[in-house]
Amino acid sequence: MIIKRCELDIDKLCTLPENEYVVLHTLGHVFNELNGLTKMLYWASNTNTTDEAHMHGSNTLVIMLIQILAGKLNEAWEYLRKSYYSSSFSSIYQSRFDDKAKNAQSRLKRYFAKSNAIREIRDNFGFHYSKNEANNQRFNNDYYPLIYLFGTHYSNNLFFFSETIQINNLLQLLKAIDIKYTLEILIREIFDIVNMEQTLIDSIITEIIKKNELAGLEVKVEDIELKSLQNHKAFSIPWFTDISSMFEDK
């Protein structure tokens, strides 16, 4: 696989107005966080095991990453709304968007203009351990057993009953928006919003760099070959691992 390396001109970067400079590097950080968390969510959900313990571990990671990623997606949109769209320079770069970026922008504005799963998760589950109505529902579903698992060290403990209750509360909250919500539908929706936000952010960053010639008049692009890359579908993130080496004498 070949990727491209390009270096910004630090002198030209320093001539950017302060608000554009801050938006540029902040959106780069936002993009990287969304990219990393999305990969982890995919890998956590990418398990074909029928082993109960590993399935519970995988589901725990999925629920955790859904909450974190939904929170980040909401905060990313809030940053765009407050720092980019409210600026005097946003219209300059929007006029340079291609059709894909324009479509992503329109869909995001429609999505966040109404009640949505991303904001509900962020407000009720994403960042706070709060005693609110969403977290205070009594679990009364006899279909799902309430299980906990423990090993010889707490690193391999799993109080899965907490995740069973947590995802039940989360989905019950979302059913007020749409009765059809399931965990699978929610994950697909999150991946869709990630794709739109990354498309939009990538376009903003690219147009700021191009218009201000931050890579110089003659852009120096270097090819870098990444060898022996595995297919992303080959990865999964386990909960349970052999941690005995953690306690071996160095």
Protein backbone atom coordinates (compact mmCIF):
# COMPACT_ATOMS: atom_id res chain seq x y z
CA MET A 1 0.00 0.00 0.00
CA ILE A 2 1.28 3.47 -0.92
CA ILE A 3 0.43 6.53 1.20
CA LYS A 4 1.47 10.10 0.51
CA ARG A 5 3.58 12.30 2.80
CA CYS A 6 3.25 16.07 2.54
CA GLU A 7 4.77 18.69 4.83
CA LEU A 8 3.14 22.01 5.68
CA ASP A 9 5.09 25.26 5.34
CA ILE A 10 5.39 26.49 8.91
CA ASP A 11 5.98 30.10 7.85
CA LYS A 12 2.78 30.19 5.82
CA LEU A 13 0.91 28.35 8.55
CA CYS A 14 1.86 31.10 10.98
CA THR A 15 0.39 33.76 8.67
CA LEU A 16 -3.11 32.26 8.93
CA PRO A 17 -5.58 34.32 10.97
CA GLU A 18 -5.79 32.90 14.47
CA ASN A 19 -9.34 31.52 14.17
CA GLU A 20 -8.52 29.70 10.91
CA TYR A 21 -5.29 28.34 12.40
CA VAL A 22 -7.17 26.98 15.43
CA VAL A 23 -9.96 25.46 13.31
CA LEU A 24 -7.40 23.80 11.02
CA HIS A 25 -5.39 21.99 13.67
CA THR A 26 -8.40 21.24 15.88
CA LEU A 27 -10.33 19.62 13.03
CA GLY A 28 -7.25 17.53 12.21
CA HIS A 29 -7.27 16.25 15.80
CA VAL A 30 -11.03 15.61 15.65
CA PHE A 31 -10.63 13.66 12.40
CA ASN A 32 -7.88 11.49 13.93
CA GLU A 33 -9.96 10.73 17.03
CA LEU A 34 -13.01 9.75 14.98
CA ASN A 35 -10.83 7.59 12.74
CA GLY A 36 -9.19 5.76 15.66
CA LEU A 37 -12.40 5.20 17.63
CA THR A 38 -14.25 3.98 14.53
CA LYS A 39 -11.54 1.41 13.83
CA MET A 40 -11.69 0.20 17.42
CA LEU A 41 -15.49 -0.09 17.31
CA TYR A 42 -15.29 -2.08 14.08
CA TRP A 43 -12.59 -4.40 15.46
CA ALA A 44 -14.44 -4.87 18.75
CA SER A 45 -17.57 -5.91 16.87
CA ASN A 46 -15.63 -8.03 14.38
CA THR A 47 -15.83 -11.34 16.24
CA ASN A 48 -17.06 -14.66 14.92
CA THR A 49 -16.71 -16.56 18.16
CA THR A 50 -19.54 -18.59 19.64
CA ASP A 51 -17.76 -18.76 22.99
CA GLU A 52 -19.99 -17.08 25.57
CA ALA A 53 -17.21 -15.40 27.57
CA HIS A 54 -15.54 -13.89 24.50
CA MET A 55 -18.91 -12.75 23.14
CA HIS A 56 -19.65 -10.95 26.42
CA GLY A 57 -16.21 -9.34 26.32
CA SER A 58 -16.72 -8.19 22.74
CA ASN A 59 -20.16 -6.78 23.49
CA THR A 60 -18.78 -4.87 26.47
CA LEU A 61 -16.17 -3.18 24.29
CA VAL A 62 -18.79 -2.42 21.64
CA ILE A 63 -21.13 -0.76 24.16
CA MET A 64 -18.26 1.24 25.67
CA LEU A 65 -17.01 2.46 22.28
CA ILE A 66 -20.53 3.32 21.06
CA GLN A 67 -20.93 5.66 24.03
CA ILE A 68 -17.52 7.30 23.59
CA LEU A 69 -17.78 7.62 19.80
CA ALA A 70 -21.33 9.01 19.91
CA GLY A 71 -20.14 11.63 22.38
CA LYS A 72 -17.21 12.57 20.13
CA LEU A 73 -19.46 12.79 17.06
CA ASN A 74 -21.82 15.16 18.85
CA GLU A 75 -18.95 17.30 20.13
CA ALA A 76 -17.38 17.36 16.65
CA TRP A 77 -20.61 18.74 15.19
CA GLU A 78 -20.91 21.29 17.98
CA TYR A 79 -17.36 22.44 17.28
CA LEU A 80 -18.12 22.78 13.57
CA ARG A 81 -21.31 24.69 14.34
CA LYS A 82 -19.78 27.08 16.87
CA SER A 83 -16.26 27.56 15.50
CA TYR A 84 -16.48 26.94 11.76
CA TYR A 85 -20.00 27.82 10.55
CA SER A 86 -20.16 30.90 12.78
CA SER A 87 -16.92 32.25 11.28
CA SER A 88 -16.54 34.75 8.48
CA PHE A 89 -14.33 32.40 6.46
CA SER A 90 -16.59 29.32 6.32
CA SER A 91 -18.48 30.54 3.23
CA ILE A 92 -15.19 30.89 1.36
CA TYR A 93 -14.30 27.23 1.81
CA GLN A 94 -17.84 25.91 1.40
CA SER A 95 -17.95 27.37 -2.11
CA ARG A 96 -14.97 25.13 -2.98
CA PHE A 97 -16.56 21.84 -1.79
CA ASP A 98 -17.16 19.02 -4.23
CA ASP A 99 -20.57 17.32 -4.46
CA LYS A 100 -19.63 14.62 -1.94
CA ALA A 101 -18.71 17.17 0.72
CA LYS A 102 -21.81 19.28 -0.02
CA ASN A 103 -24.02 16.21 0.38
CA ALA A 104 -22.35 15.24 3.67
CA GLN A 105 -22.80 18.79 4.97
CA SER A 106 -26.50 18.88 4.04
CA ARG A 107 -27.21 15.49 5.59
CA LEU A 108 -25.41 16.39 8.83
CA LYS A 109 -27.34 19.64 9.17
CA ARG A 110 -30.63 17.77 8.74
CA TYR A 111 -29.60 15.02 11.17
CA PHE A 112 -28.52 17.31 14.00
CA ALA A 113 -31.46 19.70 13.48
CA LYS A 114 -33.81 17.13 15.01
CA SER A 115 -33.81 14.65 17.90
CA ASN A 116 -31.18 12.01 17.21
CA ALA A 117 -29.45 9.01 18.75
CA ILE A 118 -25.99 10.62 18.80
CA ARG A 119 -27.08 13.51 21.00
CA GLU A 120 -29.22 11.33 23.28
CA ILE A 121 -26.31 8.97 23.92
CA ARG A 122 -23.93 11.87 24.49
CA ASP A 123 -26.26 13.59 26.97
CA ASN A 124 -27.25 10.48 28.93
CA PHE A 125 -24.42 7.95 28.57
CA GLY A 126 -21.40 9.36 26.75
CA PHE A 127 -19.36 11.20 29.37
CA HIS A 128 -21.18 11.21 32.69
CA TYR A 129 -21.91 8.62 35.37
CA SER A 130 -25.12 10.31 36.40
CA LYS A 131 -28.22 9.25 38.27
CA ASN A 132 -30.72 10.29 35.63
CA GLU A 133 -33.96 8.79 34.36
CA ALA A 134 -32.24 6.92 31.50
CA ASN A 135 -29.86 5.16 33.90
CA ASN A 136 -32.40 4.57 36.65
CA GLN A 137 -34.69 2.11 34.89
CA ARG A 138 -35.24 -1.22 36.62
CA PHE A 139 -34.18 -4.19 34.51
CA ASN A 140 -37.02 -6.70 34.21
CA ASN A 141 -36.19 -8.69 31.08
CA ASP A 142 -36.07 -12.38 32.00
CA TYR A 143 -34.75 -13.30 28.52
CA TYR A 144 -31.24 -12.00 29.27
CA PRO A 145 -29.36 -13.51 32.24
CA LEU A 146 -27.37 -11.14 34.42
CA ILE A 147 -23.85 -12.54 34.44
CA TYR A 148 -20.45 -11.68 35.83
CA LEU A 149 -17.14 -13.41 35.09
CA PHE A 150 -13.93 -13.37 37.09
CA GLY A 151 -10.43 -14.76 36.70
CA THR A 152 -7.29 -14.95 38.80
CA HIS A 153 -6.67 -11.23 38.34
CA TYR A 154 -9.10 -8.32 38.06
CA SER A 155 -7.82 -7.54 34.54
CA ASN A 156 -9.85 -10.53 33.35
CA ASN A 157 -12.94 -9.74 35.42
CA LEU A 158 -16.11 -8.73 33.61
CA PHE A 159 -19.30 -7.53 35.30
CA PHE A 160 -21.34 -8.14 32.19
CA PHE A 161 -24.65 -7.70 34.00
CA SER A 162 -23.87 -3.97 34.09
CA GLU A 163 -23.53 -3.85 30.29
CA THR A 164 -26.75 -5.83 29.85
CA ILE A 165 -28.60 -3.24 31.93
CA GLN A 166 -26.75 -0.35 30.28
CA ILE A 167 -27.55 -1.29 26.68
CA ASN A 168 -31.15 -2.06 27.64
CA ASN A 169 -31.51 1.43 29.15
CA LEU A 170 -29.80 3.02 26.14
CA LEU A 171 -32.02 1.29 23.58
CA GLN A 172 -35.17 2.05 25.59
CA LEU A 173 -34.22 5.73 25.49
CA LEU A 174 -33.66 5.62 21.71
CA LYS A 175 -36.97 3.88 21.06
CA ALA A 176 -38.63 7.16 21.99
CA ILE A 177 -37.04 8.50 18.79
CA ASP A 178 -37.65 5.39 16.67
CA ILE A 179 -39.16 2.13 17.91
CA LYS A 180 -37.04 0.20 15.39
CA TYR A 181 -33.72 0.84 17.15
CA THR A 182 -31.55 -2.22 17.80
CA LEU A 183 -27.84 -2.44 18.56
CA GLU A 184 -27.09 -3.34 14.94
CA ILE A 185 -29.12 -0.41 13.56
CA LEU A 186 -27.41 1.94 16.02
CA ILE A 187 -23.92 0.81 14.97
CA ARG A 188 -24.77 1.31 11.29
CA GLU A 189 -26.08 4.80 12.05
CA ILE A 190 -22.93 5.70 13.96
CA PHE A 191 -20.71 4.50 11.09
CA ASP A 192 -22.83 6.58 8.68
CA ILE A 193 -22.45 9.76 10.76
CA VAL A 194 -18.70 9.11 11.11
CA ASN A 195 -18.38 8.85 7.34
CA MET A 196 -20.25 12.13 6.79
CA GLU A 197 -18.31 14.04 9.46
CA GLN A 198 -14.97 12.76 8.17
CA THR A 199 -15.92 13.66 4.58
CA LEU A 200 -16.82 17.19 5.66
CA ILE A 201 -13.80 17.70 7.92
CA ASP A 202 -11.39 16.32 5.32
CA SER A 203 -12.80 18.77 2.76
CA ILE A 204 -12.47 21.76 5.11
CA ILE A 205 -8.86 20.89 5.96
CA THR A 206 -7.95 20.24 2.32
CA GLU A 207 -9.46 23.52 1.10
CA ILE A 208 -7.76 25.57 3.84
CA ILE A 209 -4.42 24.03 2.87
CA LYS A 210 -4.99 24.54 -0.85
CA LYS A 211 -6.32 28.09 -0.75
CA ASN A 212 -3.58 29.33 1.57
CA GLU A 213 -0.86 27.29 -0.18
CA LEU A 214 0.19 25.86 3.19
CA ALA A 215 2.10 23.10 1.43
CA GLY A 216 3.91 25.63 -0.77
CA LEU A 217 3.43 26.57 -4.40
CA GLU A 218 5.16 23.40 -5.49
CA VAL A 219 3.80 20.73 -3.21
CA LYS A 220 6.43 18.15 -2.36
CA VAL A 221 4.73 14.77 -2.11
CA GLU A 222 6.65 11.70 -1.03
CA ASP A 223 5.42 8.15 -1.56
CA ILE A 224 5.70 5.87 1.47
CA GLU A 225 5.17 2.15 1.06
CA LEU A 226 3.55 0.35 3.97
CA LYS A 227 4.48 -3.30 3.64
CA SER A 228 2.69 -6.41 4.88
CA LEU A 229 -0.56 -4.72 5.83
CA GLN A 230 -3.27 -7.08 7.02
CA ASN A 231 -6.87 -6.69 5.90
CA HIS A 232 -8.86 -4.66 8.45
CA LYS A 233 -11.39 -7.50 8.61
CA ALA A 234 -8.68 -9.78 10.02
CA PHE A 235 -8.54 -7.86 13.32
CA SER A 236 -10.60 -8.14 16.47
CA ILE A 237 -10.06 -6.77 19.99
CA PRO A 238 -10.38 -9.32 22.79
CA TRP A 239 -11.43 -8.62 26.36
CA PHE A 240 -9.79 -11.71 27.86
CA THR A 241 -6.04 -12.17 27.41
CA ASP A 242 -3.22 -14.08 29.06
CA ILE A 243 -1.79 -11.49 31.43
CA SER A 244 0.69 -13.77 33.22
CA SER A 245 3.66 -11.99 31.58
CA MET A 246 2.62 -8.76 33.27
CA PHE A 247 3.82 -10.21 36.57
CA GLU A 248 7.04 -11.83 35.39
CA ASP A 249 10.29 -10.40 36.73
CA LYS A 250 12.00 -8.18 34.18
